[in-house]
Amino acid sequence: MLRHTALAVVFMLAAVVVAGCGIFGPKRSGGKPPELPPEYEIPFHPTIVLSNLEIAYSHRDSIGYKAIYDSSYVGTSRDLRDPPGTTPISLTYTDEVAHVAKLQSSPTVTSAYMNLGPKTSWTRLSSNDPSHPEWAVIQIAGASLNIRIIEGSNEYETSGTSEFFEFAFKPTTPASISPTDTLWNIVRWDETRAAGP
């Protein structure tokens, strides 16, 4: 089993620049019909957005996954074990959506799984970006989180206490379908892997 930062897993699956596709892609070998799309909650709170993220990723649902992110999204991954001066890995909205589309369409990928740990371990904070005080932040220490992809005989995984995630959420235009009149999208994601074993 190989262990990598979550963003590194994305790059290991090669062609990140693949056209988007939905859950109703072509039938797999053996004529098995496609699964029904998963059900999502209305994202009227940032914690619901993260729950929907787990569902979309684990079902390899590129359409549901795309709806979770703001179009200006940027994800950043830093591994503090890298040599000084190493440039962090960075992903855009397009990269994220293409990654899950690739997971869904690849005949060699047999499963994907995301569990960000119990909601009681998610720390909700106010925005730490002075230019966007309306944003919300959730921090997650890595003790309980697990992201795993199985491709052929290879298993790519990120988990463990060395991981630290921080998600920033942007409120969208007030929406009547939301009990709070606000819907949320992920606009930033920072991952840090601590130095050490």
C-alpha atoms as a PDB file:
ATOM      1  CA  MET A   1       0.000   0.000   0.000  1.00  0.00           C
ATOM      2  CA  LEU A   2       1.288   3.458  -0.907  1.00  0.00           C
ATOM      3  CA  ARG A   3       0.580   6.512   1.221  1.00  0.00           C
ATOM      4  CA  HIS A   4       0.535   9.996  -0.262  1.00  0.00           C
ATOM      5  CA  THR A   5      -0.956  13.401   0.359  1.00  0.00           C
ATOM      6  CA  ALA A   6      -4.475  13.681  -1.018  1.00  0.00           C
ATOM      7  CA  LEU A   7      -3.471  15.979  -3.884  1.00  0.00           C
ATOM      8  CA  ALA A   8      -0.572  13.685  -4.792  1.00  0.00           C
ATOM      9  CA  VAL A   9      -3.103  10.883  -5.264  1.00  0.00           C
ATOM     10  CA  VAL A  10      -4.787  13.012  -7.921  1.00  0.00           C
ATOM     11  CA  PHE A  11      -1.589  13.300  -9.927  1.00  0.00           C
ATOM     12  CA  MET A  12      -0.773   9.596  -9.634  1.00  0.00           C
ATOM     13  CA  LEU A  13      -3.859   8.716 -11.614  1.00  0.00           C
ATOM     14  CA  ALA A  14      -2.264  10.334 -14.657  1.00  0.00           C
ATOM     15  CA  ALA A  15      -4.631  12.124 -17.047  1.00  0.00           C
ATOM     16  CA  VAL A  16      -6.180  14.789 -14.904  1.00  0.00           C
ATOM     17  CA  VAL A  17      -7.257  16.683 -18.004  1.00  0.00           C
ATOM     18  CA  VAL A  18     -10.150  14.476 -19.062  1.00  0.00           C
ATOM     19  CA  ALA A  19     -13.499  15.784 -20.235  1.00  0.00           C
ATOM     20  CA  GLY A  20     -16.168  15.680 -17.506  1.00  0.00           C
ATOM     21  CA  CYS A  21     -18.674  12.861 -17.465  1.00  0.00           C
ATOM     22  CA  GLY A  22     -21.625  11.942 -15.299  1.00  0.00           C
ATOM     23  CA  ILE A  23     -22.610   8.937 -13.285  1.00  0.00           C
ATOM     24  CA  PHE A  24     -24.519   7.663 -16.336  1.00  0.00           C
ATOM     25  CA  GLY A  25     -21.398   6.916 -18.370  1.00  0.00           C
ATOM     26  CA  PRO A  26     -20.998   3.867 -20.600  1.00  0.00           C
ATOM     27  CA  LYS A  27     -21.766   0.423 -19.208  1.00  0.00           C
ATOM     28  CA  ARG A  28     -18.817  -1.444 -17.773  1.00  0.00           C
ATOM     29  CA  SER A  29     -17.806  -4.879 -19.041  1.00  0.00           C
ATOM     30  CA  GLY A  30     -20.330  -7.589 -18.295  1.00  0.00           C
ATOM     31  CA  GLY A  31     -23.260  -5.320 -19.183  1.00  0.00           C
ATOM     32  CA  LYS A  32     -23.784  -4.119 -15.627  1.00  0.00           C
ATOM     33  CA  PRO A  33     -26.165  -1.144 -15.716  1.00  0.00           C
ATOM     34  CA  PRO A  34     -24.988   2.159 -14.228  1.00  0.00           C
ATOM     35  CA  GLU A  35     -25.859   2.885 -10.617  1.00  0.00           C
ATOM     36  CA  LEU A  36     -28.500   5.445  -9.709  1.00  0.00           C
ATOM     37  CA  PRO A  37     -27.002   8.788  -8.723  1.00  0.00           C
ATOM     38  CA  PRO A  38     -26.530   9.330  -4.985  1.00  0.00           C
ATOM     39  CA  GLU A  39     -28.788  11.640  -2.985  1.00  0.00           C
ATOM     40  CA  TYR A  40     -27.392  14.839  -1.500  1.00  0.00           C
ATOM     41  CA  GLU A  41     -28.589  17.179   1.205  1.00  0.00           C
ATOM     42  CA  ILE A  42     -29.277  20.847   0.479  1.00  0.00           C
ATOM     43  CA  PRO A  43     -25.925  22.533   1.319  1.00  0.00           C
ATOM     44  CA  PHE A  44     -27.282  25.177   3.703  1.00  0.00           C
ATOM     45  CA  HIS A  45     -24.372  24.697   6.138  1.00  0.00           C
ATOM     46  CA  PRO A  46     -20.629  24.083   5.501  1.00  0.00           C
ATOM     47  CA  THR A  47     -20.725  20.732   7.326  1.00  0.00           C
ATOM     48  CA  ILE A  48     -23.380  19.511   4.884  1.00  0.00           C
ATOM     49  CA  VAL A  49     -21.103  20.513   2.003  1.00  0.00           C
ATOM     50  CA  LEU A  50     -18.399  18.245   3.434  1.00  0.00           C
ATOM     51  CA  SER A  51     -20.863  15.383   3.889  1.00  0.00           C
ATOM     52  CA  ASN A  52     -21.910  15.823   0.253  1.00  0.00           C
ATOM     53  CA  LEU A  53     -18.216  15.856  -0.723  1.00  0.00           C
ATOM     54  CA  GLU A  54     -17.711  12.448   0.920  1.00  0.00           C
ATOM     55  CA  ILE A  55     -20.745  11.045  -0.913  1.00  0.00           C
ATOM     56  CA  ALA A  56     -19.806  12.457  -4.337  1.00  0.00           C
ATOM     57  CA  TYR A  57     -16.187  11.285  -4.119  1.00  0.00           C
ATOM     58  CA  SER A  58     -17.058   7.814  -2.830  1.00  0.00           C
ATOM     59  CA  HIS A  59     -19.611   7.389  -5.642  1.00  0.00           C
ATOM     60  CA  ARG A  60     -17.249   8.916  -8.225  1.00  0.00           C
ATOM     61  CA  ASP A  61     -20.078  11.276  -9.189  1.00  0.00           C
ATOM     62  CA  SER A  62     -18.459  14.050 -11.235  1.00  0.00           C
ATOM     63  CA  ILE A  63     -21.720  15.991 -11.610  1.00  0.00           C
ATOM     64  CA  GLY A  64     -22.436  16.008  -7.862  1.00  0.00           C
ATOM     65  CA  TYR A  65     -18.773  16.739  -7.138  1.00  0.00           C
ATOM     66  CA  LYS A  66     -18.745  19.714  -9.504  1.00  0.00           C
ATOM     67  CA  ALA A  67     -21.742  21.271  -7.730  1.00  0.00           C
ATOM     68  CA  ILE A  68     -19.848  21.286  -4.422  1.00  0.00           C
ATOM     69  CA  TYR A  69     -17.091  23.663  -5.568  1.00  0.00           C
ATOM     70  CA  ASP A  70     -17.070  27.357  -6.392  1.00  0.00           C
ATOM     71  CA  SER A  71     -15.684  28.038  -9.885  1.00  0.00           C
ATOM     72  CA  SER A  72     -12.838  30.108  -8.342  1.00  0.00           C
ATOM     73  CA  TYR A  73     -11.728  27.194  -6.133  1.00  0.00           C
ATOM     74  CA  VAL A  74      -8.018  26.599  -5.491  1.00  0.00           C
ATOM     75  CA  GLY A  75      -6.606  23.650  -3.550  1.00  0.00           C
ATOM     76  CA  THR A  76      -3.079  23.588  -2.140  1.00  0.00           C
ATOM     77  CA  SER A  77      -1.055  20.722  -0.678  1.00  0.00           C
ATOM     78  CA  ARG A  78       2.158  21.154   1.330  1.00  0.00           C
ATOM     79  CA  ASP A  79       4.312  18.309   2.553  1.00  0.00           C
ATOM     80  CA  LEU A  80       6.622  19.641   5.274  1.00  0.00           C
ATOM     81  CA  ARG A  81       8.929  16.656   4.689  1.00  0.00           C
ATOM     82  CA  ASP A  82       9.824  18.017   1.241  1.00  0.00           C
ATOM     83  CA  PRO A  83      13.140  19.863   0.817  1.00  0.00           C
ATOM     84  CA  PRO A  84      13.025  23.607   1.591  1.00  0.00           C
ATOM     85  CA  GLY A  85      11.837  25.648  -1.363  1.00  0.00           C
ATOM     86  CA  THR A  86       9.634  22.878  -2.800  1.00  0.00           C
ATOM     87  CA  THR A  87       6.630  24.392  -4.540  1.00  0.00           C
ATOM     88  CA  PRO A  88       3.308  23.204  -3.065  1.00  0.00           C
ATOM     89  CA  ILE A  89       0.965  21.234  -5.324  1.00  0.00           C
ATOM     90  CA  SER A  90      -1.958  23.332  -6.523  1.00  0.00           C
ATOM     91  CA  LEU A  91      -5.293  22.349  -8.093  1.00  0.00           C
ATOM     92  CA  THR A  92      -8.070  24.357  -9.719  1.00  0.00           C
ATOM     93  CA  TYR A  93     -11.814  23.777  -9.977  1.00  0.00           C
ATOM     94  CA  THR A  94     -11.300  22.200 -13.418  1.00  0.00           C
ATOM     95  CA  ASP A  95      -8.631  19.829 -12.057  1.00  0.00           C
ATOM     96  CA  GLU A  96     -10.890  18.625  -9.233  1.00  0.00           C
ATOM     97  CA  VAL A  97     -13.840  17.928 -11.525  1.00  0.00           C
ATOM     98  CA  ALA A  98     -11.633  16.201 -14.127  1.00  0.00           C
ATOM     99  CA  HIS A  99     -10.086  14.017 -11.410  1.00  0.00           C
ATOM    100  CA  VAL A 100     -13.444  12.586 -10.319  1.00  0.00           C
ATOM    101  CA  ALA A 101     -14.540  12.218 -13.946  1.00  0.00           C
ATOM    102  CA  LYS A 102     -11.378  10.163 -14.510  1.00  0.00           C
ATOM    103  CA  LEU A 103     -12.141   8.021 -11.449  1.00  0.00           C
ATOM    104  CA  GLN A 104     -15.622   7.349 -12.850  1.00  0.00           C
ATOM    105  CA  SER A 105     -14.581   6.601 -16.436  1.00  0.00           C
ATOM    106  CA  SER A 106     -11.379   4.617 -15.891  1.00  0.00           C
ATOM    107  CA  PRO A 107     -11.884   0.858 -16.263  1.00  0.00           C
ATOM    108  CA  THR A 108      -8.898   0.196 -13.968  1.00  0.00           C
ATOM    109  CA  VAL A 109     -10.221   2.187 -11.000  1.00  0.00           C
ATOM    110  CA  THR A 110     -12.477  -0.103  -8.989  1.00  0.00           C
ATOM    111  CA  SER A 111     -13.241   2.130  -6.018  1.00  0.00           C
ATOM    112  CA  ALA A 112     -12.760   5.517  -4.425  1.00  0.00           C
ATOM    113  CA  TYR A 113     -13.500   6.368  -0.820  1.00  0.00           C
ATOM    114  CA  MET A 114     -13.478   9.547   1.243  1.00  0.00           C
ATOM    115  CA  ASN A 115     -14.190   9.777   4.959  1.00  0.00           C
ATOM    116  CA  LEU A 116     -13.282  13.048   6.677  1.00  0.00           C
ATOM    117  CA  GLY A 117     -13.900  11.632  10.149  1.00  0.00           C
ATOM    118  CA  PRO A 118     -16.717  12.301  12.595  1.00  0.00           C
ATOM    119  CA  LYS A 119     -18.363  15.718  12.423  1.00  0.00           C
ATOM    120  CA  THR A 120     -17.438  16.225  16.084  1.00  0.00           C
ATOM    121  CA  SER A 121     -13.802  16.407  14.928  1.00  0.00           C
ATOM    122  CA  TRP A 122     -14.524  19.232  12.453  1.00  0.00           C
ATOM    123  CA  THR A 123     -13.708  22.658  13.894  1.00  0.00           C
ATOM    124  CA  ARG A 124     -15.871  25.471  12.483  1.00  0.00           C
ATOM    125  CA  LEU A 125     -14.207  28.899  12.442  1.00  0.00           C
ATOM    126  CA  SER A 126     -14.847  32.338  11.025  1.00  0.00           C
ATOM    127  CA  SER A 127     -13.085  33.431   7.873  1.00  0.00           C
ATOM    128  CA  ASN A 128      -9.321  33.873   8.149  1.00  0.00           C
ATOM    129  CA  ASP A 129      -9.242  35.900   4.931  1.00  0.00           C
ATOM    130  CA  PRO A 130      -9.714  39.640   5.675  1.00  0.00           C
ATOM    131  CA  SER A 131     -10.780  40.233   2.064  1.00  0.00           C
ATOM    132  CA  HIS A 132     -13.601  37.680   2.461  1.00  0.00           C
ATOM    133  CA  PRO A 133     -15.115  38.018   5.951  1.00  0.00           C
ATOM    134  CA  GLU A 134     -18.303  36.311   4.697  1.00  0.00           C
ATOM    135  CA  TRP A 135     -16.482  32.987   4.201  1.00  0.00           C
ATOM    136  CA  ALA A 136     -16.521  30.165   6.744  1.00  0.00           C
ATOM    137  CA  VAL A 137     -13.705  27.735   7.612  1.00  0.00           C
ATOM    138  CA  ILE A 138     -13.655  24.140   8.814  1.00  0.00           C
ATOM    139  CA  GLN A 139     -10.414  22.577  10.031  1.00  0.00           C
ATOM    140  CA  ILE A 140      -9.946  18.806  10.240  1.00  0.00           C
ATOM    141  CA  ALA A 141      -7.016  17.083  11.918  1.00  0.00           C
ATOM    142  CA  GLY A 142      -6.027  13.877  10.160  1.00  0.00           C
ATOM    143  CA  ALA A 143      -6.479  11.329  12.931  1.00  0.00           C
ATOM    144  CA  SER A 144      -9.798  10.092  11.524  1.00  0.00           C
ATOM    145  CA  LEU A 145      -9.765  11.096   7.869  1.00  0.00           C
ATOM    146  CA  ASN A 146      -9.170   8.580   5.091  1.00  0.00           C
ATOM    147  CA  ILE A 147      -9.063   9.000   1.310  1.00  0.00           C
ATOM    148  CA  ARG A 148      -8.421   5.867  -0.707  1.00  0.00           C
ATOM    149  CA  ILE A 149      -8.375   4.898  -4.388  1.00  0.00           C
ATOM    150  CA  ILE A 150      -7.963   1.359  -5.714  1.00  0.00           C
ATOM    151  CA  GLU A 151      -6.646   1.142  -9.258  1.00  0.00           C
ATOM    152  CA  GLY A 152      -5.873  -2.379 -10.407  1.00  0.00           C
ATOM    153  CA  SER A 153      -3.527  -3.891  -7.835  1.00  0.00           C
ATOM    154  CA  ASN A 154      -2.465  -0.473  -6.508  1.00  0.00           C
ATOM    155  CA  GLU A 155      -3.989   1.235  -3.489  1.00  0.00           C
ATOM    156  CA  TYR A 156      -3.371   4.954  -2.992  1.00  0.00           C
ATOM    157  CA  GLU A 157      -4.239   6.303   0.425  1.00  0.00           C
ATOM    158  CA  THR A 158      -3.894   9.346   2.593  1.00  0.00           C
ATOM    159  CA  SER A 159      -4.660   9.120   6.285  1.00  0.00           C
ATOM    160  CA  GLY A 160      -3.080   9.504   9.681  1.00  0.00           C
ATOM    161  CA  THR A 161      -2.286  12.074  12.295  1.00  0.00           C
ATOM    162  CA  SER A 162       0.262  13.873  10.099  1.00  0.00           C
ATOM    163  CA  GLU A 163      -2.506  15.250   7.835  1.00  0.00           C
ATOM    164  CA  PHE A 164      -4.283  18.564   8.437  1.00  0.00           C
ATOM    165  CA  PHE A 165      -7.055  19.905   6.207  1.00  0.00           C
ATOM    166  CA  GLU A 166      -8.587  23.362   6.100  1.00  0.00           C
ATOM    167  CA  PHE A 167     -11.633  24.053   3.923  1.00  0.00           C
ATOM    168  CA  ALA A 168     -12.960  27.541   3.189  1.00  0.00           C
ATOM    169  CA  PHE A 169     -16.591  27.958   2.129  1.00  0.00           C
ATOM    170  CA  LYS A 170     -18.170  30.756   0.137  1.00  0.00           C
ATOM    171  CA  PRO A 171     -21.850  31.624   0.614  1.00  0.00           C
ATOM    172  CA  THR A 172     -23.811  31.788  -2.611  1.00  0.00           C
ATOM    173  CA  THR A 173     -26.725  33.974  -3.611  1.00  0.00           C
ATOM    174  CA  PRO A 174     -29.645  33.578  -1.204  1.00  0.00           C
ATOM    175  CA  ALA A 175     -31.726  30.574  -2.235  1.00  0.00           C
ATOM    176  CA  SER A 176     -35.324  29.822  -1.330  1.00  0.00           C
ATOM    177  CA  ILE A 177     -34.613  26.053  -1.151  1.00  0.00           C
ATOM    178  CA  SER A 178     -32.293  26.640   1.819  1.00  0.00           C
ATOM    179  CA  PRO A 179     -33.738  26.806   5.343  1.00  0.00           C
ATOM    180  CA  THR A 180     -31.128  29.486   6.096  1.00  0.00           C
ATOM    181  CA  ASP A 181     -31.561  31.313   2.745  1.00  0.00           C
ATOM    182  CA  THR A 182     -27.868  30.599   2.034  1.00  0.00           C
ATOM    183  CA  LEU A 183     -26.091  27.833   0.165  1.00  0.00           C
ATOM    184  CA  TRP A 184     -22.354  27.135   0.465  1.00  0.00           C
ATOM    185  CA  ASN A 185     -19.565  25.967  -1.873  1.00  0.00           C
ATOM    186  CA  ILE A 186     -15.940  25.031  -1.231  1.00  0.00           C
ATOM    187  CA  VAL A 187     -13.737  27.886  -2.418  1.00  0.00           C
ATOM    188  CA  ARG A 188     -10.353  26.922  -0.885  1.00  0.00           C
ATOM    189  CA  TRP A 189      -8.747  23.767   0.448  1.00  0.00           C
ATOM    190  CA  ASP A 190      -5.348  23.614   2.142  1.00  0.00           C
ATOM    191  CA  GLU A 191      -3.719  20.349   3.090  1.00  0.00           C
ATOM    192  CA  THR A 192      -0.557  20.166   5.191  1.00  0.00           C
ATOM    193  CA  ARG A 193       1.371  17.008   5.958  1.00  0.00           C
ATOM    194  CA  ALA A 194       3.539  17.423   9.035  1.00  0.00           C
ATOM    195  CA  ALA A 195       7.259  16.742   9.016  1.00  0.00           C
ATOM    196  CA  GLY A 196       8.362  13.518  10.660  1.00  0.00           C
ATOM    197  CA  PRO A 197       7.445   9.857  10.177  1.00  0.00           C
END
